[in-house]
């Protein structure tokens, strides 16, 4: 089974930045679309961003213009650079993997354990 491990979360003030990382152990990593979802407190999962095996990207409305998803297929890594963070960005952020590009959580076959991001003054 695919194993995904997120890191890089923490506490940051509004307007600050964080970079999340996701490490994948699967040999087939370069063939999968990767994505970031988040779950705010008391809410359902929300799509943040996805990246195709060749680098094409799609962003959710909340991330557009502030977040950047990227991947390094030589290292089996995917990243989420988050700038100009807002309190509304507070959530557990999850890395996910699917066989095709999608913005729907149910289409992703593997998930990481999540990393907490808290934006507060």
PDB file of N, CA and C in Angstrom:
ATOM      1  N   UNK A   1       0.827  -1.184   0.000  1.00  0.00           N
ATOM      2  CA  UNK A   1       0.000   0.000   0.000  1.00  0.00           C
ATOM      3  C   UNK A   1       0.873   1.249   0.000  1.00  0.00           C
ATOM      4  N   UNK A   2       0.325   2.317  -0.540  1.00  0.00           N
ATOM      5  CA  UNK A   2       1.014   3.593  -0.563  1.00  0.00           C
ATOM      6  C   UNK A   2       1.012   4.190   0.833  1.00  0.00           C
ATOM      7  N   UNK A   3       2.143   4.739   1.236  1.00  0.00           N
ATOM      8  CA  UNK A   3       2.260   5.424   2.513  1.00  0.00           C
ATOM      9  C   UNK A   3       2.638   6.880   2.262  1.00  0.00           C
ATOM     10  N   UNK A   4       1.855   7.790   2.816  1.00  0.00           N
ATOM     11  CA  UNK A   4       2.087   9.219   2.678  1.00  0.00           C
ATOM     12  C   UNK A   4       2.272   9.820   4.058  1.00  0.00           C
ATOM     13  N   UNK A   5       3.283  10.659   4.207  1.00  0.00           N
ATOM     14  CA  UNK A   5       3.599  11.271   5.489  1.00  0.00           C
ATOM     15  C   UNK A   5       3.782  12.763   5.294  1.00  0.00           C
ATOM     16  N   UNK A   6       2.917  13.556   5.948  1.00  0.00           N
ATOM     17  CA  UNK A   6       2.990  15.006   5.861  1.00  0.00           C
ATOM     18  C   UNK A   6       3.850  15.568   6.986  1.00  0.00           C
ATOM     19  N   UNK A   7       4.434  16.730   6.726  1.00  0.00           N
ATOM     20  CA  UNK A   7       5.184  17.450   7.734  1.00  0.00           C
ATOM     21  C   UNK A   7       5.175  18.933   7.385  1.00  0.00           C
ATOM     22  N   UNK A   8       5.594  19.758   8.326  1.00  0.00           N
ATOM     23  CA  UNK A   8       5.731  21.181   8.081  1.00  0.00           C
ATOM     24  C   UNK A   8       4.654  22.058   8.682  1.00  0.00           C
ATOM     25  N   UNK A   9       3.642  21.467   9.284  1.00  0.00           N
ATOM     26  CA  UNK A   9       2.604  22.262   9.911  1.00  0.00           C
ATOM     27  C   UNK A   9       3.100  22.928  11.176  1.00  0.00           C
ATOM     28  N   UNK A  10       2.286  23.843  11.687  1.00  0.00           N
ATOM     29  CA  UNK A  10       2.644  24.544  12.900  1.00  0.00           C
ATOM     30  C   UNK A  10       1.780  25.759  13.114  1.00  0.00           C
ATOM     31  N   UNK A  11       2.217  26.609  14.029  1.00  0.00           N
ATOM     32  CA  UNK A  11       1.525  27.843  14.360  1.00  0.00           C
ATOM     33  C   UNK A  11       2.186  29.008  13.644  1.00  0.00           C
ATOM     34  N   UNK A  12       1.378  29.819  12.984  1.00  0.00           N
ATOM     35  CA  UNK A  12       1.895  30.967  12.255  1.00  0.00           C
ATOM     36  C   UNK A  12       0.923  32.129  12.404  1.00  0.00           C
ATOM     37  N   UNK A  13       1.447  33.346  12.384  1.00  0.00           N
ATOM     38  CA  UNK A  13       0.605  34.529  12.474  1.00  0.00           C
ATOM     39  C   UNK A  13      -0.032  34.854  11.134  1.00  0.00           C
ATOM     40  N   UNK A  14      -1.171  35.530  11.135  1.00  0.00           N
ATOM     41  CA  UNK A  14      -1.775  35.950   9.867  1.00  0.00           C
ATOM     42  C   UNK A  14      -0.777  36.720   9.010  1.00  0.00           C
ATOM     43  N   UNK A  15      -0.779  36.413   7.721  1.00  0.00           N
ATOM     44  CA  UNK A  15       0.165  37.018   6.801  1.00  0.00           C
ATOM     45  C   UNK A  15       1.460  36.255   6.652  1.00  0.00           C
ATOM     46  N   UNK A  16       1.680  35.272   7.495  1.00  0.00           N
ATOM     47  CA  UNK A  16       2.890  34.488   7.440  1.00  0.00           C
ATOM     48  C   UNK A  16       2.831  33.381   6.408  1.00  0.00           C
ATOM     49  N   UNK A  17       3.886  32.575   6.375  1.00  0.00           N
ATOM     50  CA  UNK A  17       4.017  31.520   5.384  1.00  0.00           C
ATOM     51  C   UNK A  17       4.444  30.213   6.026  1.00  0.00           C
ATOM     52  N   UNK A  18       4.053  29.126   5.399  1.00  0.00           N
ATOM     53  CA  UNK A  18       4.492  27.790   5.761  1.00  0.00           C
ATOM     54  C   UNK A  18       4.653  26.977   4.496  1.00  0.00           C
ATOM     55  N   UNK A  19       5.539  25.996   4.544  1.00  0.00           N
ATOM     56  CA  UNK A  19       5.652  25.033   3.466  1.00  0.00           C
ATOM     57  C   UNK A  19       5.427  23.642   4.014  1.00  0.00           C
ATOM     58  N   UNK A  20       4.409  22.986   3.500  1.00  0.00           N
ATOM     59  CA  UNK A  20       4.113  21.617   3.869  1.00  0.00           C
ATOM     60  C   UNK A  20       4.802  20.659   2.910  1.00  0.00           C
ATOM     61  N   UNK A  21       5.217  19.524   3.439  1.00  0.00           N
ATOM     62  CA  UNK A  21       5.850  18.494   2.633  1.00  0.00           C
ATOM     63  C   UNK A  21       5.111  17.180   2.807  1.00  0.00           C
ATOM     64  N   UNK A  22       5.122  16.381   1.763  1.00  0.00           N
ATOM     65  CA  UNK A  22       4.517  15.054   1.796  1.00  0.00           C
ATOM     66  C   UNK A  22       5.485  14.083   1.152  1.00  0.00           C
ATOM     67  N   UNK A  23       5.874  13.075   1.901  1.00  0.00           N
ATOM     68  CA  UNK A  23       6.777  12.053   1.411  1.00  0.00           C
ATOM     69  C   UNK A  23       5.993  10.789   1.097  1.00  0.00           C
ATOM     70  N   UNK A  24       6.222  10.237  -0.081  1.00  0.00           N
ATOM     71  CA  UNK A  24       5.559   9.014  -0.512  1.00  0.00           C
ATOM     72  C   UNK A  24       6.585   7.912  -0.695  1.00  0.00           C
ATOM     73  N   UNK A  25       6.227   6.707  -0.276  1.00  0.00           N
ATOM     74  CA  UNK A  25       7.146   5.583  -0.372  1.00  0.00           C
ATOM     75  C   UNK A  25       6.927   4.715  -1.596  1.00  0.00           C
ATOM     76  N   UNK A  26       5.850   4.932  -2.346  1.00  0.00           N
ATOM     77  CA  UNK A  26       5.508   4.076  -3.475  1.00  0.00           C
ATOM     78  C   UNK A  26       6.448   4.305  -4.653  1.00  0.00           C
ATOM     79  N   UNK A  27       6.857   3.205  -5.272  1.00  0.00           N
ATOM     80  CA  UNK A  27       7.704   3.302  -6.456  1.00  0.00           C
ATOM     81  C   UNK A  27       6.984   3.965  -7.619  1.00  0.00           C
ATOM     82  N   UNK A  28       5.656   3.811  -7.675  1.00  0.00           N
ATOM     83  CA  UNK A  28       4.856   4.344  -8.771  1.00  0.00           C
ATOM     84  C   UNK A  28       4.461   5.800  -8.569  1.00  0.00           C
ATOM     85  N   UNK A  29       5.019   6.474  -7.589  1.00  0.00           N
ATOM     86  CA  UNK A  29       4.667   7.856  -7.292  1.00  0.00           C
ATOM     87  C   UNK A  29       4.599   8.750  -8.523  1.00  0.00           C
ATOM     88  N   UNK A  30       5.569   8.703  -9.438  1.00  0.00           N
ATOM     89  CA  UNK A  30       5.507   9.624 -10.580  1.00  0.00           C
ATOM     90  C   UNK A  30       4.292   9.454 -11.471  1.00  0.00           C
ATOM     91  N   UNK A  31       3.589   8.338 -11.399  1.00  0.00           N
ATOM     92  CA  UNK A  31       2.434   8.086 -12.247  1.00  0.00           C
ATOM     93  C   UNK A  31       1.120   8.584 -11.660  1.00  0.00           C
ATOM     94  N   UNK A  32       1.129   9.082 -10.439  1.00  0.00           N
ATOM     95  CA  UNK A  32      -0.083   9.485  -9.750  1.00  0.00           C
ATOM     96  C   UNK A  32      -0.228  10.993  -9.680  1.00  0.00           C
ATOM     97  N   UNK A  33      -1.480  11.420  -9.715  1.00  0.00           N
ATOM     98  CA  UNK A  33      -1.785  12.789  -9.336  1.00  0.00           C
ATOM     99  C   UNK A  33      -1.705  12.910  -7.816  1.00  0.00           C
ATOM    100  N   UNK A  34      -1.211  14.033  -7.353  1.00  0.00           N
ATOM    101  CA  UNK A  34      -1.113  14.298  -5.923  1.00  0.00           C
ATOM    102  C   UNK A  34      -1.946  15.522  -5.585  1.00  0.00           C
ATOM    103  N   UNK A  35      -2.416  15.573  -4.356  1.00  0.00           N
ATOM    104  CA  UNK A  35      -3.283  16.676  -3.970  1.00  0.00           C
ATOM    105  C   UNK A  35      -3.144  16.979  -2.492  1.00  0.00           C
ATOM    106  N   UNK A  36      -3.569  18.182  -2.136  1.00  0.00           N
ATOM    107  CA  UNK A  36      -3.724  18.590  -0.753  1.00  0.00           C
ATOM    108  C   UNK A  36      -5.190  18.908  -0.491  1.00  0.00           C
ATOM    109  N   UNK A  37      -5.702  18.343   0.579  1.00  0.00           N
ATOM    110  CA  UNK A  37      -7.010  18.673   1.108  1.00  0.00           C
ATOM    111  C   UNK A  37      -6.827  19.182   2.528  1.00  0.00           C
ATOM    112  N   UNK A  38      -7.843  19.817   3.047  1.00  0.00           N
ATOM    113  CA  UNK A  38      -7.786  20.249   4.434  1.00  0.00           C
ATOM    114  C   UNK A  38      -9.139  20.066   5.109  1.00  0.00           C
ATOM    115  N   UNK A  39      -9.088  19.900   6.432  1.00  0.00           N
ATOM    116  CA  UNK A  39     -10.291  19.750   7.229  1.00  0.00           C
ATOM    117  C   UNK A  39     -10.263  20.790   8.349  1.00  0.00           C
ATOM    118  N   UNK A  40     -11.013  21.885   8.189  1.00  0.00           N
ATOM    119  CA  UNK A  40     -11.119  22.865   9.273  1.00  0.00           C
ATOM    120  C   UNK A  40     -11.849  22.249  10.462  1.00  0.00           C
ATOM    121  N   UNK A  41     -11.673  22.812  11.648  1.00  0.00           N
ATOM    122  CA  UNK A  41     -12.344  22.265  12.831  1.00  0.00           C
ATOM    123  C   UNK A  41     -13.850  22.191  12.639  1.00  0.00           C
ATOM    124  N   UNK A  42     -14.407  21.021  12.871  1.00  0.00           N
ATOM    125  CA  UNK A  42     -15.843  20.836  12.794  1.00  0.00           C
ATOM    126  C   UNK A  42     -16.423  20.822  11.396  1.00  0.00           C
ATOM    127  N   UNK A  43     -15.588  20.784  10.366  1.00  0.00           N
ATOM    128  CA  UNK A  43     -16.067  20.825   8.996  1.00  0.00           C
ATOM    129  C   UNK A  43     -15.571  19.622   8.199  1.00  0.00           C
ATOM    130  N   UNK A  44     -16.111  19.474   7.000  1.00  0.00           N
ATOM    131  CA  UNK A  44     -15.709  18.395   6.112  1.00  0.00           C
ATOM    132  C   UNK A  44     -14.432  18.756   5.360  1.00  0.00           C
ATOM    133  N   UNK A  45     -13.850  17.752   4.745  1.00  0.00           N
ATOM    134  CA  UNK A  45     -12.660  17.981   3.948  1.00  0.00           C
ATOM    135  C   UNK A  45     -12.933  18.944   2.799  1.00  0.00           C
ATOM    136  N   UNK A  46     -11.941  19.775   2.511  1.00  0.00           N
ATOM    137  CA  UNK A  46     -12.030  20.780   1.462  1.00  0.00           C
ATOM    138  C   UNK A  46     -10.839  20.645   0.526  1.00  0.00           C
ATOM    139  N   UNK A  47     -11.099  20.695  -0.760  1.00  0.00           N
ATOM    140  CA  UNK A  47     -10.033  20.631  -1.752  1.00  0.00           C
ATOM    141  C   UNK A  47      -9.179  21.883  -1.705  1.00  0.00           C
ATOM    142  N   UNK A  48      -7.859  21.704  -1.764  1.00  0.00           N
ATOM    143  CA  UNK A  48      -6.929  22.823  -1.750  1.00  0.00           C
ATOM    144  C   UNK A  48      -6.198  22.952  -3.080  1.00  0.00           C
ATOM    145  N   UNK A  49      -5.533  21.883  -3.512  1.00  0.00           N
ATOM    146  CA  UNK A  49      -4.745  21.945  -4.740  1.00  0.00           C
ATOM    147  C   UNK A  49      -4.398  20.540  -5.192  1.00  0.00           C
ATOM    148  N   UNK A  50      -4.177  20.382  -6.482  1.00  0.00           N
ATOM    149  CA  UNK A  50      -3.723  19.107  -7.026  1.00  0.00           C
ATOM    150  C   UNK A  50      -2.720  19.349  -8.135  1.00  0.00           C
ATOM    151  N   UNK A  51      -1.880  18.352  -8.371  1.00  0.00           N
ATOM    152  CA  UNK A  51      -0.856  18.441  -9.402  1.00  0.00           C
ATOM    153  C   UNK A  51      -0.788  17.116 -10.136  1.00  0.00           C
ATOM    154  N   UNK A  52      -0.736  17.184 -11.459  1.00  0.00           N
ATOM    155  CA  UNK A  52      -0.694  15.999 -12.294  1.00  0.00           C
ATOM    156  C   UNK A  52       0.707  15.403 -12.290  1.00  0.00           C
ATOM    157  N   UNK A  53       0.864  14.186 -12.839  1.00  0.00           N
ATOM    158  CA  UNK A  53       2.204  13.591 -12.917  1.00  0.00           C
ATOM    159  C   UNK A  53       3.217  14.439 -13.675  1.00  0.00           C
ATOM    160  N   UNK A  54       2.739  15.286 -14.589  1.00  0.00           N
ATOM    161  CA  UNK A  54       3.636  16.110 -15.384  1.00  0.00           C
ATOM    162  C   UNK A  54       3.681  17.565 -14.953  1.00  0.00           C
ATOM    163  N   UNK A  55       3.001  17.903 -13.865  1.00  0.00           N
ATOM    164  CA  UNK A  55       3.129  19.228 -13.297  1.00  0.00           C
ATOM    165  C   UNK A  55       1.973  20.181 -13.500  1.00  0.00           C
ATOM    166  N   UNK A  56       0.922  19.772 -14.196  1.00  0.00           N
ATOM    167  CA  UNK A  56      -0.247  20.621 -14.317  1.00  0.00           C
ATOM    168  C   UNK A  56      -0.936  20.784 -12.977  1.00  0.00           C
ATOM    169  N   UNK A  57      -1.470  21.968 -12.693  1.00  0.00           N
ATOM    170  CA  UNK A  57      -2.039  22.253 -11.382  1.00  0.00           C
ATOM    171  C   UNK A  57      -3.456  22.782 -11.472  1.00  0.00           C
ATOM    172  N   UNK A  58      -4.217  22.511 -10.421  1.00  0.00           N
ATOM    173  CA  UNK A  58      -5.545  23.066 -10.221  1.00  0.00           C
ATOM    174  C   UNK A  58      -5.642  23.482  -8.763  1.00  0.00           C
ATOM    175  N   UNK A  59      -6.211  24.660  -8.513  1.00  0.00           N
ATOM    176  CA  UNK A  59      -6.330  25.175  -7.158  1.00  0.00           C
ATOM    177  C   UNK A  59      -7.774  25.417  -6.784  1.00  0.00           C
ATOM    178  N   UNK A  60      -8.087  25.169  -5.533  1.00  0.00           N
ATOM    179  CA  UNK A  60      -9.370  25.558  -5.010  1.00  0.00           C
ATOM    180  C   UNK A  60      -9.445  27.064  -4.836  1.00  0.00           C
ATOM    181  N   UNK A  61     -10.663  27.570  -4.723  1.00  0.00           N
ATOM    182  CA  UNK A  61     -10.845  29.018  -4.620  1.00  0.00           C
ATOM    183  C   UNK A  61     -10.107  29.614  -3.429  1.00  0.00           C
ATOM    184  N   UNK A  62     -10.071  28.901  -2.327  1.00  0.00           N
ATOM    185  CA  UNK A  62      -9.433  29.420  -1.127  1.00  0.00           C
ATOM    186  C   UNK A  62      -7.920  29.510  -1.260  1.00  0.00           C
ATOM    187  N   UNK A  63      -7.339  28.738  -2.169  1.00  0.00           N
ATOM    188  CA  UNK A  63      -5.895  28.682  -2.325  1.00  0.00           C
ATOM    189  C   UNK A  63      -5.372  29.533  -3.476  1.00  0.00           C
ATOM    190  N   UNK A  64      -6.219  29.838  -4.422  1.00  0.00           N
ATOM    191  CA  UNK A  64      -5.813  30.547  -5.631  1.00  0.00           C
ATOM    192  C   UNK A  64      -5.113  31.859  -5.295  1.00  0.00           C
ATOM    193  N   UNK A  65      -3.915  32.017  -5.846  1.00  0.00           N
ATOM    194  CA  UNK A  65      -3.166  33.247  -5.661  1.00  0.00           C
ATOM    195  C   UNK A  65      -2.315  33.294  -4.411  1.00  0.00           C
ATOM    196  N   UNK A  66      -2.492  32.352  -3.501  1.00  0.00           N
ATOM    197  CA  UNK A  66      -1.733  32.344  -2.249  1.00  0.00           C
ATOM    198  C   UNK A  66      -0.911  31.084  -2.044  1.00  0.00           C
ATOM    199  N   UNK A  67      -1.407  29.961  -2.538  1.00  0.00           N
ATOM    200  CA  UNK A  67      -0.733  28.681  -2.337  1.00  0.00           C
ATOM    201  C   UNK A  67      -0.153  28.171  -3.645  1.00  0.00           C
ATOM    202  N   UNK A  68       0.922  27.398  -3.548  1.00  0.00           N
ATOM    203  CA  UNK A  68       1.540  26.788  -4.710  1.00  0.00           C
ATOM    204  C   UNK A  68       1.848  25.329  -4.411  1.00  0.00           C
ATOM    205  N   UNK A  69       1.336  24.435  -5.243  1.00  0.00           N
ATOM    206  CA  UNK A  69       1.649  23.020  -5.115  1.00  0.00           C
ATOM    207  C   UNK A  69       2.751  22.670  -6.108  1.00  0.00           C
ATOM    208  N   UNK A  70       3.665  21.812  -5.692  1.00  0.00           N
ATOM    209  CA  UNK A  70       4.743  21.379  -6.559  1.00  0.00           C
ATOM    210  C   UNK A  70       5.118  19.949  -6.205  1.00  0.00           C
ATOM    211  N   UNK A  71       5.901  19.321  -7.072  1.00  0.00           N
ATOM    212  CA  UNK A  71       6.335  17.956  -6.803  1.00  0.00           C
ATOM    213  C   UNK A  71       7.739  17.743  -7.324  1.00  0.00           C
ATOM    214  N   UNK A  72       8.420  16.795  -6.708  1.00  0.00           N
ATOM    215  CA  UNK A  72       9.744  16.385  -7.131  1.00  0.00           C
ATOM    216  C   UNK A  72       9.693  14.874  -7.296  1.00  0.00           C
ATOM    217  N   UNK A  73       9.564  14.417  -8.525  1.00  0.00           N
ATOM    218  CA  UNK A  73       9.395  12.996  -8.785  1.00  0.00           C
ATOM    219  C   UNK A  73      10.663  12.185  -8.514  1.00  0.00           C
ATOM    220  N   UNK A  74      11.808  12.836  -8.498  1.00  0.00           N
ATOM    221  CA  UNK A  74      13.042  12.133  -8.187  1.00  0.00           C
ATOM    222  C   UNK A  74      13.153  11.805  -6.710  1.00  0.00           C
ATOM    223  N   UNK A  75      12.397  12.525  -5.875  1.00  0.00           N
ATOM    224  CA  UNK A  75      12.436  12.329  -4.434  1.00  0.00           C
ATOM    225  C   UNK A  75      11.131  11.795  -3.865  1.00  0.00           C
ATOM    226  N   UNK A  76      10.139  11.548  -4.713  1.00  0.00           N
ATOM    227  CA  UNK A  76       8.811  11.116  -4.268  1.00  0.00           C
ATOM    228  C   UNK A  76       8.237  12.088  -3.242  1.00  0.00           C
ATOM    229  N   UNK A  77       8.294  13.378  -3.564  1.00  0.00           N
ATOM    230  CA  UNK A  77       7.845  14.418  -2.651  1.00  0.00           C
ATOM    231  C   UNK A  77       6.857  15.349  -3.335  1.00  0.00           C
ATOM    232  N   UNK A  78       5.903  15.825  -2.572  1.00  0.00           N
ATOM    233  CA  UNK A  78       5.001  16.871  -3.012  1.00  0.00           C
ATOM    234  C   UNK A  78       4.972  17.946  -1.937  1.00  0.00           C
ATOM    235  N   UNK A  79       4.815  19.205  -2.358  1.00  0.00           N
ATOM    236  CA  UNK A  79       4.908  20.330  -1.441  1.00  0.00           C
ATOM    237  C   UNK A  79       3.705  21.249  -1.602  1.00  0.00           C
ATOM    238  N   UNK A  80       3.426  21.981  -0.553  1.00  0.00           N
ATOM    239  CA  UNK A  80       2.432  23.039  -0.609  1.00  0.00           C
ATOM    240  C   UNK A  80       3.021  24.267   0.061  1.00  0.00           C
ATOM    241  N   UNK A  81       3.366  25.262  -0.746  1.00  0.00           N
ATOM    242  CA  UNK A  81       3.843  26.535  -0.232  1.00  0.00           C
ATOM    243  C   UNK A  81       2.640  27.424   0.030  1.00  0.00           C
ATOM    244  N   UNK A  82       2.483  27.863   1.262  1.00  0.00           N
ATOM    245  CA  UNK A  82       1.340  28.662   1.664  1.00  0.00           C
ATOM    246  C   UNK A  82       1.828  30.037   2.097  1.00  0.00           C
ATOM    247  N   UNK A  83       1.367  31.063   1.399  1.00  0.00           N
ATOM    248  CA  UNK A  83       1.727  32.437   1.699  1.00  0.00           C
ATOM    249  C   UNK A  83       0.492  33.236   2.088  1.00  0.00           C
ATOM    250  N   UNK A  84       0.728  34.350   2.758  1.00  0.00           N
ATOM    251  CA  UNK A  84      -0.359  35.229   3.180  1.00  0.00           C
ATOM    252  C   UNK A  84      -1.452  34.450   3.897  1.00  0.00           C
ATOM    253  N   UNK A  85      -1.058  33.694   4.876  1.00  0.00           N
ATOM    254  CA  UNK A  85      -2.005  32.835   5.583  1.00  0.00           C
ATOM    255  C   UNK A  85      -3.015  33.646   6.377  1.00  0.00           C
ATOM    256  N   UNK A  86      -4.221  33.111   6.438  1.00  0.00           N
ATOM    257  CA  UNK A  86      -5.329  33.741   7.126  1.00  0.00           C
ATOM    258  C   UNK A  86      -5.858  32.812   8.213  1.00  0.00           C
ATOM    259  N   UNK A  87      -6.535  33.351   9.227  1.00  0.00           N
ATOM    260  CA  UNK A  87      -7.114  32.476  10.249  1.00  0.00           C
ATOM    261  C   UNK A  87      -8.026  31.400   9.668  1.00  0.00           C
ATOM    262  N   UNK A  88      -8.698  31.691   8.568  1.00  0.00           N
ATOM    263  CA  UNK A  88      -9.576  30.720   7.928  1.00  0.00           C
ATOM    264  C   UNK A  88      -8.827  29.529   7.348  1.00  0.00           C
ATOM    265  N   UNK A  89      -7.504  29.632   7.231  1.00  0.00           N
ATOM    266  CA  UNK A  89      -6.692  28.523   6.735  1.00  0.00           C
ATOM    267  C   UNK A  89      -6.394  27.489   7.813  1.00  0.00           C
ATOM    268  N   UNK A  90      -6.762  27.778   9.046  1.00  0.00           N
ATOM    269  CA  UNK A  90      -6.538  26.837  10.132  1.00  0.00           C
ATOM    270  C   UNK A  90      -7.269  25.527   9.856  1.00  0.00           C
ATOM    271  N   UNK A  91      -6.522  24.433   9.838  1.00  0.00           N
ATOM    272  CA  UNK A  91      -7.094  23.136   9.498  1.00  0.00           C
ATOM    273  C   UNK A  91      -6.024  22.072   9.627  1.00  0.00           C
ATOM    274  N   UNK A  92      -6.457  20.828   9.581  1.00  0.00           N
ATOM    275  CA  UNK A  92      -5.538  19.723   9.381  1.00  0.00           C
ATOM    276  C   UNK A  92      -5.395  19.531   7.879  1.00  0.00           C
ATOM    277  N   UNK A  93      -4.173  19.539   7.398  1.00  0.00           N
ATOM    278  CA  UNK A  93      -3.897  19.415   5.977  1.00  0.00           C
ATOM    279  C   UNK A  93      -3.451  17.999   5.654  1.00  0.00           C
ATOM    280  N   UNK A  94      -4.052  17.430   4.614  1.00  0.00           N
ATOM    281  CA  UNK A  94      -3.799  16.054   4.222  1.00  0.00           C
ATOM    282  C   UNK A  94      -3.232  15.977   2.815  1.00  0.00           C
ATOM    283  N   UNK A  95      -2.252  15.134   2.654  1.00  0.00           N
ATOM    284  CA  UNK A  95      -1.725  14.777   1.349  1.00  0.00           C
ATOM    285  C   UNK A  95      -2.475  13.552   0.843  1.00  0.00           C
ATOM    286  N   UNK A  96      -2.789  13.526  -0.455  1.00  0.00           N
ATOM    287  CA  UNK A  96      -3.549  12.419  -1.018  1.00  0.00           C
ATOM    288  C   UNK A  96      -3.044  12.078  -2.416  1.00  0.00           C
ATOM    289  N   UNK A  97      -3.324  10.852  -2.836  1.00  0.00           N
ATOM    290  CA  UNK A  97      -2.832  10.331  -4.105  1.00  0.00           C
ATOM    291  C   UNK A  97      -3.968   9.663  -4.866  1.00  0.00           C
ATOM    292  N   UNK A  98      -4.031   9.906  -6.182  1.00  0.00           N
ATOM    293  CA  UNK A  98      -5.030   9.265  -7.022  1.00  0.00           C
ATOM    294  C   UNK A  98      -4.430   8.913  -8.377  1.00  0.00           C
ATOM    295  N   UNK A  99      -5.134   8.047  -9.105  1.00  0.00           N
ATOM    296  CA  UNK A  99      -4.671   7.614 -10.419  1.00  0.00           C
ATOM    297  C   UNK A  99      -4.966   8.639 -11.506  1.00  0.00           C
ATOM    298  N   UNK A 100      -5.750   9.651 -11.177  1.00  0.00           N
ATOM    299  CA  UNK A 100      -6.102  10.671 -12.142  1.00  0.00           C
ATOM    300  C   UNK A 100      -6.348  11.982 -11.416  1.00  0.00           C
ATOM    301  N   UNK A 101      -6.279  13.072 -12.152  1.00  0.00           N
ATOM    302  CA  UNK A 101      -6.486  14.387 -11.566  1.00  0.00           C
ATOM    303  C   UNK A 101      -7.943  14.551 -11.162  1.00  0.00           C
ATOM    304  N   UNK A 102      -8.158  14.963  -9.918  1.00  0.00           N
ATOM    305  CA  UNK A 102      -9.505  15.137  -9.398  1.00  0.00           C
ATOM    306  C   UNK A 102      -9.482  16.161  -8.277  1.00  0.00           C
ATOM    307  N   UNK A 103     -10.619  16.793  -8.052  1.00  0.00           N
ATOM    308  CA  UNK A 103     -10.797  17.697  -6.920  1.00  0.00           C
ATOM    309  C   UNK A 103     -11.760  17.127  -5.891  1.00  0.00           C
ATOM    310  N   UNK A 104     -12.147  15.879  -6.066  1.00  0.00           N
ATOM    311  CA  UNK A 104     -13.105  15.212  -5.195  1.00  0.00           C
ATOM    312  C   UNK A 104     -12.397  14.200  -4.316  1.00  0.00           C
ATOM    313  N   UNK A 105     -12.565  14.326  -3.019  1.00  0.00           N
ATOM    314  CA  UNK A 105     -11.813  13.514  -2.074  1.00  0.00           C
ATOM    315  C   UNK A 105     -12.040  12.021  -2.261  1.00  0.00           C
ATOM    316  N   UNK A 106     -13.266  11.625  -2.612  1.00  0.00           N
ATOM    317  CA  UNK A 106     -13.570  10.202  -2.728  1.00  0.00           C
ATOM    318  C   UNK A 106     -12.813   9.515  -3.851  1.00  0.00           C
ATOM    319  N   UNK A 107     -12.217  10.271  -4.767  1.00  0.00           N
ATOM    320  CA  UNK A 107     -11.461   9.690  -5.861  1.00  0.00           C
ATOM    321  C   UNK A 107     -10.015   9.383  -5.501  1.00  0.00           C
ATOM    322  N   UNK A 108      -9.594   9.760  -4.310  1.00  0.00           N
ATOM    323  CA  UNK A 108      -8.215   9.550  -3.901  1.00  0.00           C
ATOM    324  C   UNK A 108      -8.094   8.258  -3.103  1.00  0.00           C
ATOM    325  N   UNK A 109      -7.111   7.465  -3.456  1.00  0.00           N
ATOM    326  CA  UNK A 109      -6.999   6.111  -2.917  1.00  0.00           C
ATOM    327  C   UNK A 109      -6.110   6.018  -1.692  1.00  0.00           C
ATOM    328  N   UNK A 110      -5.235   6.984  -1.485  1.00  0.00           N
ATOM    329  CA  UNK A 110      -4.319   6.955  -0.359  1.00  0.00           C
ATOM    330  C   UNK A 110      -4.262   8.318   0.297  1.00  0.00           C
ATOM    331  N   UNK A 111      -4.129   8.320   1.617  1.00  0.00           N
ATOM    332  CA  UNK A 111      -4.112   9.549   2.409  1.00  0.00           C
ATOM    333  C   UNK A 111      -3.027   9.492   3.462  1.00  0.00           C
ATOM    334  N   UNK A 112      -2.457  10.646   3.743  1.00  0.00           N
ATOM    335  CA  UNK A 112      -1.543  10.756   4.856  1.00  0.00           C
ATOM    336  C   UNK A 112      -2.285  10.952   6.158  1.00  0.00           C
ATOM    337  N   UNK A 113      -1.532  11.066   7.238  1.00  0.00           N
ATOM    338  CA  UNK A 113      -2.135  11.202   8.570  1.00  0.00           C
ATOM    339  C   UNK A 113      -2.553  12.627   8.890  1.00  0.00           C
ATOM    340  N   UNK A 114      -2.077  13.587   8.132  1.00  0.00           N
ATOM    341  CA  UNK A 114      -2.425  14.977   8.330  1.00  0.00           C
ATOM    342  C   UNK A 114      -1.405  15.726   9.164  1.00  0.00           C
ATOM    343  N   UNK A 115      -1.316  17.027   8.923  1.00  0.00           N
ATOM    344  CA  UNK A 115      -0.476  17.907   9.714  1.00  0.00           C
ATOM    345  C   UNK A 115      -1.260  19.171  10.043  1.00  0.00           C
ATOM    346  N   UNK A 116      -1.186  19.603  11.292  1.00  0.00           N
ATOM    347  CA  UNK A 116      -1.997  20.719  11.769  1.00  0.00           C
ATOM    348  C   UNK A 116      -1.363  22.044  11.382  1.00  0.00           C
ATOM    349  N   UNK A 117      -2.175  22.919  10.816  1.00  0.00           N
ATOM    350  CA  UNK A 117      -1.788  24.299  10.542  1.00  0.00           C
ATOM    351  C   UNK A 117      -2.725  25.205  11.325  1.00  0.00           C
ATOM    352  N   UNK A 118      -2.157  26.057  12.150  1.00  0.00           N
ATOM    353  CA  UNK A 118      -2.941  26.995  12.940  1.00  0.00           C
ATOM    354  C   UNK A 118      -2.468  28.409  12.640  1.00  0.00           C
ATOM    355  N   UNK A 119      -3.387  29.257  12.205  1.00  0.00           N
ATOM    356  CA  UNK A 119      -3.081  30.644  11.872  1.00  0.00           C
ATOM    357  C   UNK A 119      -3.793  31.521  12.892  1.00  0.00           C
ATOM    358  N   UNK A 120      -3.027  32.182  13.723  1.00  0.00           N
ATOM    359  CA  UNK A 120      -3.605  32.967  14.810  1.00  0.00           C
ATOM    360  C   UNK A 120      -2.637  34.053  15.234  1.00  0.00           C
ATOM    361  N   UNK A 121      -3.198  35.189  15.626  1.00  0.00           N
ATOM    362  CA  UNK A 121      -2.396  36.282  16.157  1.00  0.00           C
ATOM    363  C   UNK A 121      -2.268  36.205  17.669  1.00  0.00           C
TER     364      UNK A 121
END
